Amino acid sequence: MERRQTSGRSPCESAIDVHRERVLDETAFDLYSIMAGKETNEVNRIYRRELAVLFALLFAVLVGCGRGESPQTLPSPQKEADVQEEAGTAGQDVAEGAVQGAEEQKTENSDEEQAETGGNSWTVQGSGSISAGDTLSGAAVLTAEQQEPVLAFMDAYYQSMAYLQLQDLSGLFTEDEEHARFRAQVDGTSWTAVTDNSTQEEMHRAVFEMILGIRQASGLDLRFLSYDYELEVQNIEEQADGCVQIEAVEYADMRFSHTPDTNSQVTGVWHSFVIKETDGQWRLTHHAAYDSAYFSFIRWKNSATGRSTGGTSAGEFAAMAEERIQNAREQIESREAAADGRTGAAAADHAYDREAAAAYAREWAGERNPQWGVYDGAGGNCMNYVSQCLYASGIPMDQSGDAQWYWYSDSSRAPAWTGVDSFRDYVMNNSGYGLCAQTDVPWNSGDIGDVILMSTAGNYHHAVIITQVVQDESSGTVDYLICSNTGNYRDFPVSAYVYAEQELVRIAGWNG
């Protein structure tokens, strides 16, 4: 499939309007034929992606991103503000990887006014496509018209994130009384997403606004220079009433403005789309994603444990999003108020091989090492993955004392190896043999190989590992690039995460 370029678009344009204007290929999109030419398409996909990245880098040089600074060093907020004030442009967006104060973030309306009055614009090299997965049946077929609403939705998401401005979602979803509620089981897990048709647009608007609000609150320029996503279709099922359910896995590359030399990746995010033809046009009736941004907004049921989450009721989506955004602001203010605590670090008998841990993290961020257990369907594989990273650095398992950390099999493992809360308890209570680490340290005092634990209302449920430190001109830490499982991220800015409650675990090494 030819990749659709969206470069140079105004942030005020609607993704759905652009799709309506596009001339569609009337020929049926035979996914089986794509599988037959998979190797050639893969080469073309990589070529197109790298071409988009090349254009983005050329643009970055032209507008001043490349100024001879360290690749992951940002200009200080005060210096950038002084330069803007001298030029008489204080408060405007700049196409540089600058740290911007949260107070400089503009509303959607002010961005529209700036675009209309000839203010600074932001150009993004963006592309997206649909391809066939290895598990797809040879008889499965999607027409170009059926692809249209799925691609329109994905474009709306990525362009919202690219410009940090919500795109128009109206018209993406249609009412469907026959499928008022839809259930979709996440591939490879026991979890089923339960979504209501009547709240789809409202829910997705709240999810998008939550992500945007948290990223704006960071004070960093988290817009995209470029992005390239691919939906790999795993299954297509036509319902008796003509609706079509599409299950796909998302892979994406993106370059953030504040880290222009790093290719951040999202791999293996599960999506379920249901589309229906209405008045000669295919539209979405339901969408669910097995991603942290959706966990609080969709009802989830686990067939293995019987556990069921409540989700969020209609009319409460906006309030939930605003609560998360406000919490992010408070967390970020708290981090900035804390002093840098690099002094007084814990001493360990054996040094920590940070580079070895980071190398393992990058290698297995998008896959699962078959030598270990996999827990995506049992709450997530994040802590299991981080434990593997620490073990790959040379830190031994610990079966001594009351605080233990080990894994030999599913039936022979310590809770701290796979559980985030339990790992935190182990770090805080282990004083003898084994891992030596510190909690209760300033967020900005981390280094490559350190761990960040994420929580909601004090409930720790996610763990990531640092693979790169992002600093400003004064060598102050302003962000980290991390790797993780469930979801699968590689060299992704931790400030772009939806979990703003973050606790640094500083790894010293091991004793014994």
Protein backbone atom coordinates (compact mmCIF):
# COMPACT_ATOMS: atom_id res chain seq x y z
CA MET A 1 0.00 0.00 0.00
CA GLU A 2 1.28 3.43 -0.87
CA ARG A 3 2.08 5.43 2.24
CA ARG A 4 0.13 8.65 2.68
CA GLN A 5 2.21 11.76 3.39
CA THR A 6 0.73 14.45 5.63
CA SER A 7 3.66 16.88 5.78
CA GLY A 8 3.10 20.61 5.90
CA ARG A 9 -0.47 20.45 7.21
CA SER A 10 -1.80 23.13 9.48
CA PRO A 11 -2.56 21.91 13.01
CA CYS A 12 -6.04 23.35 12.57
CA GLU A 13 -6.93 20.97 9.73
CA SER A 14 -9.10 17.97 10.47
CA ALA A 15 -7.83 14.50 9.67
CA ILE A 16 -11.28 13.36 8.57
CA ASP A 17 -11.64 16.28 6.14
CA VAL A 18 -8.34 15.41 4.51
CA HIS A 19 -9.48 11.82 4.11
CA ARG A 20 -12.73 12.90 2.50
CA GLU A 21 -10.78 14.82 -0.10
CA ARG A 22 -8.45 11.94 -0.89
CA VAL A 23 -9.16 10.03 -4.11
CA LEU A 24 -9.67 6.41 -3.12
CA ASP A 25 -8.42 3.39 -4.95
CA GLU A 26 -11.57 1.52 -5.96
CA THR A 27 -9.71 -1.77 -6.22
CA ALA A 28 -10.18 -4.15 -3.29
CA PHE A 29 -7.26 -4.24 -0.88
CA ASP A 30 -6.29 -7.91 -0.81
CA LEU A 31 -4.22 -8.45 2.32
CA TYR A 32 -3.24 -11.92 1.20
CA SER A 33 -1.50 -10.53 -1.85
CA ILE A 34 0.40 -8.15 0.41
CA MET A 35 1.65 -11.11 2.41
CA ALA A 36 2.98 -12.68 -0.77
CA GLY A 37 5.11 -9.59 -1.38
CA LYS A 38 5.98 -8.98 2.23
CA GLU A 39 9.76 -8.75 1.82
CA THR A 40 9.53 -6.18 -0.97
CA ASN A 41 6.98 -4.15 0.96
CA GLU A 42 9.18 -4.21 4.04
CA VAL A 43 12.07 -2.73 2.07
CA ASN A 44 9.74 -0.07 0.68
CA ARG A 45 8.37 0.63 4.14
CA ILE A 46 11.85 1.19 5.56
CA TYR A 47 12.82 3.32 2.56
CA ARG A 48 9.76 5.54 2.91
CA ARG A 49 10.26 5.88 6.65
CA GLU A 50 13.90 6.88 6.32
CA LEU A 51 13.00 9.33 3.54
CA ALA A 52 10.47 10.99 5.87
CA VAL A 53 13.10 11.16 8.61
CA LEU A 54 15.60 12.71 6.17
CA PHE A 55 13.13 15.46 5.26
CA ALA A 56 12.48 16.09 8.96
CA LEU A 57 16.18 16.42 9.73
CA LEU A 58 16.73 18.77 6.80
CA PHE A 59 13.88 20.90 8.06
CA ALA A 60 15.33 20.87 11.57
CA VAL A 61 18.65 22.19 10.25
CA LEU A 62 16.94 24.94 8.25
CA VAL A 63 14.93 26.25 11.21
CA GLY A 64 17.83 26.09 13.62
CA CYS A 65 17.55 22.81 15.53
CA GLY A 66 21.12 21.87 14.75
CA ARG A 67 23.22 24.52 16.46
CA GLY A 68 26.33 22.53 17.28
CA GLU A 69 25.01 21.40 20.67
CA SER A 70 25.17 17.95 22.19
CA PRO A 71 22.47 15.77 20.54
CA GLN A 72 20.44 15.40 23.72
CA THR A 73 21.25 18.77 25.30
CA LEU A 74 18.54 21.40 25.41
CA PRO A 75 18.93 25.18 25.74
CA SER A 76 18.03 26.45 29.18
CA PRO A 77 14.50 27.85 29.69
CA GLN A 78 15.80 31.25 30.84
CA LYS A 79 18.15 31.68 27.90
CA GLU A 80 15.42 30.74 25.44
CA ALA A 81 13.00 33.16 27.10
CA ASP A 82 15.59 35.97 26.93
CA VAL A 83 16.18 35.37 23.23
CA GLN A 84 12.45 35.42 22.51
CA GLU A 85 11.92 38.59 24.54
CA GLU A 86 14.72 40.39 22.70
CA ALA A 87 13.16 39.42 19.39
CA GLY A 88 9.73 40.57 20.55
CA THR A 89 8.25 37.09 20.19
CA ALA A 90 7.93 35.94 23.80
CA GLY A 91 5.38 33.13 24.20
CA GLN A 92 5.43 31.96 20.57
CA ASP A 93 6.12 28.38 19.57
CA VAL A 94 9.62 27.80 18.26
CA ALA A 95 10.76 25.00 15.98
CA GLU A 96 13.72 24.21 18.21
CA GLY A 97 14.19 21.60 20.92
CA ALA A 98 13.70 24.17 23.64
CA VAL A 99 12.55 23.66 27.21
CA GLN A 100 9.46 25.81 27.55
CA GLY A 101 7.74 26.71 30.80
CA ALA A 102 4.29 25.29 31.36
CA GLU A 103 2.94 28.84 31.48
CA GLU A 104 3.95 29.30 27.82
CA GLN A 105 1.70 26.50 26.61
CA LYS A 106 -1.12 27.91 24.49
CA THR A 107 -4.71 26.86 24.11
CA GLU A 108 -6.14 25.41 20.93
CA ASN A 109 -7.85 28.71 20.08
CA SER A 110 -4.68 30.79 20.45
CA ASP A 111 -2.81 28.37 18.19
CA GLU A 112 -5.51 28.80 15.57
CA GLU A 113 -5.26 32.56 15.82
CA GLN A 114 -1.51 32.44 15.45
CA ALA A 115 -1.81 30.30 12.33
CA GLU A 116 -4.39 32.67 10.86
CA THR A 117 -2.30 35.77 11.57
CA GLY A 118 0.89 34.38 10.09
CA GLY A 119 2.62 33.41 13.34
CA ASN A 120 5.23 30.67 13.65
CA SER A 121 4.08 27.43 12.03
CA TRP A 122 5.06 23.86 12.75
CA THR A 123 5.73 21.39 9.95
CA VAL A 124 5.67 17.64 10.55
CA GLN A 125 6.71 14.84 8.23
CA GLY A 126 4.06 12.19 8.89
CA SER A 127 2.97 8.95 7.26
CA GLY A 128 0.94 5.85 8.05
CA SER A 129 -0.17 2.60 6.46
CA ILE A 130 -1.97 -0.71 6.90
CA SER A 131 -0.26 -4.04 6.21
CA ALA A 132 -0.99 -7.74 6.69
CA GLY A 133 0.21 -9.73 9.68
CA ASP A 134 1.53 -13.28 9.45
CA THR A 135 -1.55 -14.68 11.19
CA LEU A 136 -4.05 -13.19 8.76
CA SER A 137 -6.17 -15.62 6.75
CA GLY A 138 -5.57 -15.65 3.01
CA ALA A 139 -9.27 -15.00 2.37
CA ALA A 140 -9.32 -11.79 4.42
CA VAL A 141 -9.91 -8.68 2.35
CA LEU A 142 -10.24 -5.00 3.22
CA THR A 143 -11.30 -2.52 0.58
CA ALA A 144 -9.75 0.93 0.41
CA GLU A 145 -13.05 2.37 1.66
CA GLN A 146 -12.95 0.08 4.71
CA GLN A 147 -9.42 1.16 5.52
CA GLU A 148 -10.44 4.81 5.38
CA PRO A 149 -12.04 5.27 8.84
CA VAL A 150 -9.23 3.35 10.55
CA LEU A 151 -6.54 5.47 8.91
CA ALA A 152 -8.54 8.64 9.62
CA PHE A 153 -8.64 7.75 13.32
CA MET A 154 -4.91 7.01 13.47
CA ASP A 155 -4.12 10.23 11.60
CA ALA A 156 -6.25 12.22 14.05
CA TYR A 157 -4.30 10.72 16.94
CA TYR A 158 -0.83 11.21 15.51
CA GLN A 159 -1.48 14.72 14.25
CA SER A 160 -2.91 15.69 17.64
CA MET A 161 0.30 14.46 19.26
CA ALA A 162 2.52 15.96 16.54
CA TYR A 163 1.18 19.49 17.05
CA LEU A 164 0.15 19.06 20.71
CA GLN A 165 -3.25 20.28 19.62
CA LEU A 166 -6.47 18.27 19.53
CA GLN A 167 -7.66 17.49 16.01
CA ASP A 168 -11.33 17.33 15.06
CA LEU A 169 -12.82 13.92 15.94
CA SER A 170 -16.37 14.67 14.80
CA GLY A 171 -17.64 12.32 12.12
CA LEU A 172 -15.19 9.52 12.91
CA PHE A 173 -17.78 7.44 14.82
CA THR A 174 -21.36 6.57 13.94
CA GLU A 175 -24.22 5.35 16.11
CA ASP A 176 -24.98 1.64 16.06
CA GLU A 177 -27.96 0.45 18.10
CA GLU A 178 -27.37 -3.18 17.14
CA HIS A 179 -23.87 -3.03 18.64
CA ALA A 180 -24.48 -0.69 21.56
CA ARG A 181 -21.83 -2.57 23.53
CA PHE A 182 -18.92 -4.46 22.02
CA ARG A 183 -16.42 -6.88 23.53
CA ALA A 184 -12.99 -7.62 22.10
CA GLN A 185 -10.44 -9.97 23.65
CA VAL A 186 -6.86 -8.76 23.61
CA ASP A 187 -4.72 -11.15 21.61
CA GLY A 188 -2.54 -13.37 23.79
CA THR A 189 -4.16 -12.29 27.06
CA SER A 190 -7.21 -13.04 29.20
CA TRP A 191 -8.37 -9.43 29.05
CA THR A 192 -11.47 -8.31 27.19
CA ALA A 193 -12.22 -4.67 26.43
CA VAL A 194 -15.87 -3.65 26.82
CA THR A 195 -16.83 -0.46 24.98
CA ASP A 196 -20.09 1.45 24.54
CA ASN A 197 -20.97 2.84 21.13
CA SER A 198 -22.76 5.91 22.49
CA THR A 199 -19.64 7.24 24.25
CA GLN A 200 -16.92 6.57 21.68
CA GLU A 201 -16.30 10.12 20.49
CA GLU A 202 -16.56 11.55 24.00
CA MET A 203 -14.18 8.93 25.41
CA HIS A 204 -11.53 9.33 22.73
CA ARG A 205 -11.63 13.10 22.97
CA ALA A 206 -10.97 12.79 26.71
CA VAL A 207 -8.12 10.31 26.17
CA PHE A 208 -6.47 12.55 23.58
CA GLU A 209 -6.91 15.66 25.76
CA MET A 210 -5.43 13.85 28.75
CA ILE A 211 -2.29 12.87 26.84
CA LEU A 212 -1.96 16.36 25.37
CA GLY A 213 -2.48 18.06 28.73
CA ILE A 214 0.14 15.91 30.46
CA ARG A 215 2.68 16.53 27.71
CA GLN A 216 2.00 20.27 27.74
CA ALA A 217 2.42 20.32 31.52
CA SER A 218 5.94 18.87 31.20
CA GLY A 219 7.40 22.23 30.14
CA LEU A 220 9.22 20.43 27.31
CA ASP A 221 8.62 20.74 23.59
CA LEU A 222 7.12 17.28 23.04
CA ARG A 223 5.83 17.94 19.54
CA PHE A 224 6.93 15.62 16.73
CA LEU A 225 9.39 16.43 13.99
CA SER A 226 8.28 13.28 12.19
CA TYR A 227 6.23 10.14 12.68
CA ASP A 228 5.59 6.96 10.75
CA TYR A 229 3.03 4.40 11.94
CA GLU A 230 1.98 1.03 10.59
CA LEU A 231 -1.05 -1.04 11.55
CA GLU A 232 -0.33 -4.71 11.01
CA VAL A 233 -3.70 -6.45 10.64
CA GLN A 234 -3.95 -9.75 12.53
CA ASN A 235 -7.60 -10.65 11.99
CA ILE A 236 -10.65 -9.50 10.02
CA GLU A 237 -14.09 -10.80 10.95
CA GLU A 238 -17.28 -9.84 9.16
CA GLN A 239 -20.39 -9.82 11.34
CA ALA A 240 -23.79 -11.12 10.20
CA ASP A 241 -25.18 -7.59 10.05
CA GLY A 242 -22.36 -6.33 7.82
CA CYS A 243 -20.14 -4.80 10.50
CA VAL A 244 -16.45 -5.65 10.23
CA GLN A 245 -14.14 -6.15 13.21
CA ILE A 246 -10.45 -5.51 12.59
CA GLU A 247 -7.73 -6.47 15.03
CA ALA A 248 -4.34 -4.92 14.40
CA VAL A 249 -0.99 -4.28 16.06
CA GLU A 250 0.58 -0.84 15.90
CA TYR A 251 4.25 -0.11 15.19
CA ALA A 252 5.46 3.49 15.10
CA ASP A 253 8.63 5.55 14.84
CA MET A 254 8.69 9.20 15.89
CA ARG A 255 11.18 11.98 16.54
CA PHE A 256 10.34 14.43 19.30
CA SER A 257 11.38 18.05 18.99
CA HIS A 258 13.39 18.04 22.22
CA THR A 259 15.33 14.88 21.21
CA PRO A 260 15.63 15.33 17.43
CA ASP A 261 18.47 12.85 16.97
CA THR A 262 16.67 9.93 18.61
CA ASN A 263 14.21 7.61 16.91
CA SER A 264 11.63 6.79 19.59
CA GLN A 265 9.57 3.68 18.95
CA VAL A 266 6.25 2.18 19.99
CA THR A 267 5.86 -1.49 19.10
CA GLY A 268 3.12 -4.08 19.36
CA VAL A 269 0.17 -2.00 20.66
CA TRP A 270 -3.05 -4.02 20.19
CA HIS A 271 -6.07 -2.29 18.62
CA SER A 272 -9.60 -3.45 17.87
CA PHE A 273 -11.73 -1.49 15.40
CA VAL A 274 -15.35 -2.12 14.40
CA ILE A 275 -16.54 -0.41 11.23
CA LYS A 276 -20.00 -0.13 9.66
CA GLU A 277 -21.22 1.19 6.33
CA THR A 278 -23.74 4.02 6.71
CA ASP A 279 -25.17 5.95 3.76
CA GLY A 280 -22.48 4.55 1.49
CA GLN A 281 -19.57 5.47 3.78
CA TRP A 282 -17.68 3.31 6.26
CA ARG A 283 -17.32 4.71 9.77
CA LEU A 284 -16.12 3.48 13.15
CA THR A 285 -18.58 2.21 15.73
CA HIS A 286 -16.04 1.05 18.33
CA HIS A 287 -12.34 1.25 19.09
CA ALA A 288 -10.25 -0.10 21.96
CA ALA A 289 -6.49 -0.19 22.55
CA TYR A 290 -4.47 -2.21 25.05
CA ASP A 291 -2.50 0.85 26.08
CA SER A 292 -1.99 2.68 29.37
CA ALA A 293 -3.84 5.77 28.14
CA TYR A 294 -7.06 3.73 27.82
CA PHE A 295 -6.87 1.61 30.96
CA SER A 296 -8.96 3.97 33.10
CA PHE A 297 -11.48 4.83 30.40
CA ILE A 298 -12.48 1.37 29.14
CA ARG A 299 -14.04 -1.42 31.17
CA TRP A 300 -11.76 -4.49 31.24
CA LYS A 301 -12.73 -8.06 32.17
CA ASN A 302 -10.30 -10.92 32.84
CA SER A 303 -11.66 -14.37 31.99
CA ALA A 304 -8.90 -16.15 33.93
CA THR A 305 -9.27 -14.33 37.24
CA GLY A 306 -12.81 -12.99 36.99
CA ARG A 307 -11.49 -9.52 37.73
CA SER A 308 -13.40 -6.62 36.20
CA THR A 309 -12.51 -2.94 36.21
CA GLY A 310 -15.18 -0.29 36.44
CA GLY A 311 -14.01 1.95 33.63
CA THR A 312 -15.42 5.46 33.42
CA SER A 313 -19.10 6.31 33.08
CA ALA A 314 -20.54 8.51 30.35
CA GLY A 315 -20.27 12.17 31.28
CA GLU A 316 -17.22 11.58 33.48
CA PHE A 317 -14.57 11.30 30.77
CA ALA A 318 -13.66 14.99 30.69
CA ALA A 319 -13.47 15.16 34.49
CA MET A 320 -11.21 12.10 34.57
CA ALA A 321 -8.89 13.64 31.97
CA GLU A 322 -8.70 16.96 33.81
CA GLU A 323 -7.98 15.19 37.10
CA ARG A 324 -5.04 13.36 35.50
CA ILE A 325 -3.73 16.58 33.95
CA GLN A 326 -3.93 18.46 37.25
CA ASN A 327 -2.16 15.60 39.01
CA ALA A 328 0.60 15.76 36.39
CA ARG A 329 1.07 19.49 37.00
CA GLU A 330 1.39 18.88 40.74
CA GLN A 331 3.84 16.02 40.27
CA ILE A 332 6.03 18.05 37.92
CA GLU A 333 6.03 21.05 40.28
CA SER A 334 7.03 18.74 43.12
CA ARG A 335 9.97 17.36 41.11
CA GLU A 336 11.20 20.83 40.22
CA ALA A 337 11.04 21.94 43.86
CA ALA A 338 13.21 19.02 45.03
CA ALA A 339 16.97 19.56 45.23
CA ASP A 340 19.34 17.44 43.14
CA GLY A 341 20.37 14.59 45.42
CA ARG A 342 23.33 13.04 43.66
CA THR A 343 25.42 13.22 46.84
CA GLY A 344 25.05 10.50 49.43
CA ALA A 345 24.52 7.71 46.92
CA ALA A 346 24.47 4.17 48.26
CA ALA A 347 27.74 2.24 48.12
CA ALA A 348 27.75 -1.32 46.77
CA ASP A 349 30.35 -4.07 46.89
CA HIS A 350 30.08 -4.59 43.13
CA ALA A 351 29.54 -1.86 40.54
CA TYR A 352 26.50 -1.75 38.29
CA ASP A 353 27.12 -2.32 34.56
CA ARG A 354 24.70 0.32 33.32
CA GLU A 355 25.54 -0.06 29.65
CA ALA A 356 24.85 -3.81 29.76
CA ALA A 357 21.44 -3.20 31.32
CA ALA A 358 20.60 -0.53 28.72
CA ALA A 359 21.75 -2.76 25.84
CA TYR A 360 19.48 -5.59 27.00
CA ALA A 361 16.63 -3.11 27.46
CA ARG A 362 16.87 -1.89 23.88
CA GLU A 363 17.17 -5.41 22.49
CA TRP A 364 14.02 -6.75 24.15
CA ALA A 365 11.81 -3.66 24.32
CA GLY A 366 9.65 -4.85 21.44
CA GLU A 367 9.85 -8.61 21.93
CA ARG A 368 9.88 -11.23 24.68
CA ASN A 369 12.97 -13.25 25.55
CA PRO A 370 11.90 -16.92 25.28
CA GLN A 371 14.25 -17.87 28.12
CA TRP A 372 11.93 -16.15 30.59
CA GLY A 373 8.26 -16.23 31.47
CA VAL A 374 5.84 -13.80 29.84
CA TYR A 375 3.19 -11.98 31.90
CA ASP A 376 1.47 -9.63 29.45
CA GLY A 377 -1.83 -11.40 30.10
CA ALA A 378 -1.42 -11.45 33.87
CA GLY A 379 -1.14 -7.77 34.68
CA GLY A 380 1.77 -6.86 32.40
CA ASN A 381 5.35 -7.86 31.60
CA CYS A 382 6.95 -4.57 32.66
CA MET A 383 8.56 -5.59 35.96
CA ASN A 384 9.62 -8.99 34.64
CA TYR A 385 11.37 -7.17 31.79
CA VAL A 386 13.09 -4.63 34.07
CA SER A 387 14.26 -7.45 36.36
CA GLN A 388 15.78 -9.18 33.33
CA CYS A 389 17.63 -5.95 32.45
CA LEU A 390 19.13 -5.75 35.94
CA TYR A 391 20.07 -9.43 35.86
CA ALA A 392 21.71 -8.99 32.43
CA SER A 393 24.00 -6.37 34.00
CA GLY A 394 25.46 -8.98 36.35
CA ILE A 395 23.30 -8.41 39.43
CA PRO A 396 22.60 -11.89 40.86
CA MET A 397 19.27 -13.26 42.02
CA ASP A 398 18.63 -13.08 45.74
CA GLN A 399 17.06 -15.91 47.74
CA SER A 400 18.51 -14.90 51.10
CA GLY A 401 16.64 -13.35 54.01
CA ASP A 402 13.06 -12.11 53.98
CA ALA A 403 13.54 -9.73 51.03
CA GLN A 404 14.04 -11.85 47.91
CA TRP A 405 14.29 -11.31 44.15
CA TYR A 406 14.57 -14.29 41.81
CA TRP A 407 12.94 -16.20 38.94
CA TYR A 408 13.46 -19.82 37.89
CA SER A 409 10.02 -20.61 36.47
CA ASP A 410 6.41 -19.49 36.70
CA SER A 411 6.01 -21.66 39.79
CA SER A 412 9.37 -20.74 41.33
CA ARG A 413 9.75 -16.98 41.50
CA ALA A 414 9.72 -14.16 44.02
CA PRO A 415 6.88 -11.61 43.81
CA ALA A 416 9.51 -8.87 43.54
CA TRP A 417 10.71 -10.20 40.17
CA THR A 418 7.39 -9.63 38.40
CA GLY A 419 5.41 -7.27 40.66
CA VAL A 420 6.09 -3.52 40.78
CA ASP A 421 4.87 -2.99 44.35
CA SER A 422 6.82 -6.04 45.54
CA PHE A 423 9.99 -4.89 43.77
CA ARG A 424 9.74 -1.52 45.48
CA ASP A 425 9.37 -3.26 48.84
CA TYR A 426 12.42 -5.40 48.06
CA VAL A 427 14.55 -2.36 47.21
CA MET A 428 13.50 -0.58 50.39
CA ASN A 429 14.01 -3.57 52.70
CA ASN A 430 16.99 -5.47 51.29
CA SER A 431 20.10 -4.67 53.33
CA GLY A 432 22.35 -7.67 52.76
CA TYR A 433 23.16 -9.83 49.77
CA GLY A 434 21.79 -8.88 46.37
CA LEU A 435 20.58 -5.72 44.69
CA CYS A 436 21.68 -2.44 46.27
CA ALA A 437 19.48 0.51 45.29
CA GLN A 438 17.81 3.64 46.66
CA THR A 439 14.31 5.06 46.57
CA ASP A 440 13.27 8.46 47.94
CA VAL A 441 15.80 10.25 45.73
CA PRO A 442 15.18 13.31 43.52
CA TRP A 443 13.59 12.48 40.18
CA ASN A 444 16.28 14.36 38.26
CA SER A 445 19.22 12.46 39.82
CA GLY A 446 18.92 9.37 37.63
CA ASP A 447 21.38 7.79 35.22
CA ILE A 448 21.36 5.18 32.46
CA GLY A 449 20.18 1.85 33.88
CA ASP A 450 18.21 3.35 36.75
CA VAL A 451 14.56 2.37 37.13
CA ILE A 452 11.44 4.54 37.25
CA LEU A 453 8.34 3.17 38.99
CA MET A 454 4.98 4.65 38.02
CA SER A 455 1.82 4.81 40.08
CA THR A 456 -1.71 6.14 40.23
CA ALA A 457 -2.92 7.42 43.60
CA GLY A 458 -0.02 5.63 45.28
CA ASN A 459 -0.70 2.29 43.58
CA TYR A 460 2.52 1.24 41.81
CA HIS A 461 1.74 -0.64 38.61
CA HIS A 462 4.37 0.11 35.97
CA ALA A 463 8.17 0.02 35.70
CA VAL A 464 10.56 1.32 33.03
CA ILE A 465 14.34 1.52 32.68
CA ILE A 466 16.37 4.58 31.65
CA THR A 467 18.43 4.26 28.46
CA GLN A 468 19.42 7.91 28.00
CA VAL A 469 19.48 11.12 30.06
CA VAL A 470 18.24 14.35 28.46
CA GLN A 471 19.87 17.51 29.81
CA ASP A 472 19.62 21.25 29.24
CA GLU A 473 22.53 23.60 28.53
CA SER A 474 23.43 23.83 32.20
CA SER A 475 23.69 20.00 32.41
CA GLY A 476 20.48 19.77 34.40
CA THR A 477 18.37 16.66 33.82
CA VAL A 478 15.02 17.54 32.25
CA ASP A 479 13.89 14.18 30.86
CA TYR A 480 14.81 10.53 30.37
CA LEU A 481 14.49 8.22 27.40
CA ILE A 482 13.25 4.85 28.59
CA CYS A 483 12.50 1.33 27.41
CA SER A 484 9.62 -0.82 28.64
CA ASN A 485 7.29 -3.76 28.09
CA THR A 486 3.47 -3.61 28.21
CA GLY A 487 3.43 -1.19 26.50
CA ASN A 488 6.47 -1.70 24.39
CA TYR A 489 8.52 1.48 24.13
CA ARG A 490 12.10 1.98 22.97
CA ASP A 491 13.99 5.22 23.74
CA PHE A 492 10.71 6.98 24.52
CA PRO A 493 10.54 10.21 26.59
CA VAL A 494 9.29 9.41 30.07
CA SER A 495 7.75 12.91 30.20
CA ALA A 496 5.41 11.86 27.39
CA TYR A 497 4.00 9.03 29.52
CA VAL A 498 0.44 9.26 30.83
CA TYR A 499 1.63 8.20 34.29
CA ALA A 500 2.97 11.38 35.87
CA GLU A 501 3.46 9.87 39.34
CA GLN A 502 7.03 8.65 38.88
CA GLU A 503 9.53 7.48 41.48
CA LEU A 504 13.21 7.05 40.66
CA VAL A 505 15.03 3.94 41.87
CA ARG A 506 18.76 4.63 41.75
CA ILE A 507 20.72 1.42 41.23
CA ALA A 508 24.14 1.27 42.93
CA GLY A 509 25.10 -2.33 42.15
CA TRP A 510 25.00 -5.41 44.36
CA ASN A 511 26.40 -6.68 47.65
CA GLY A 512 27.83 -10.06 48.48
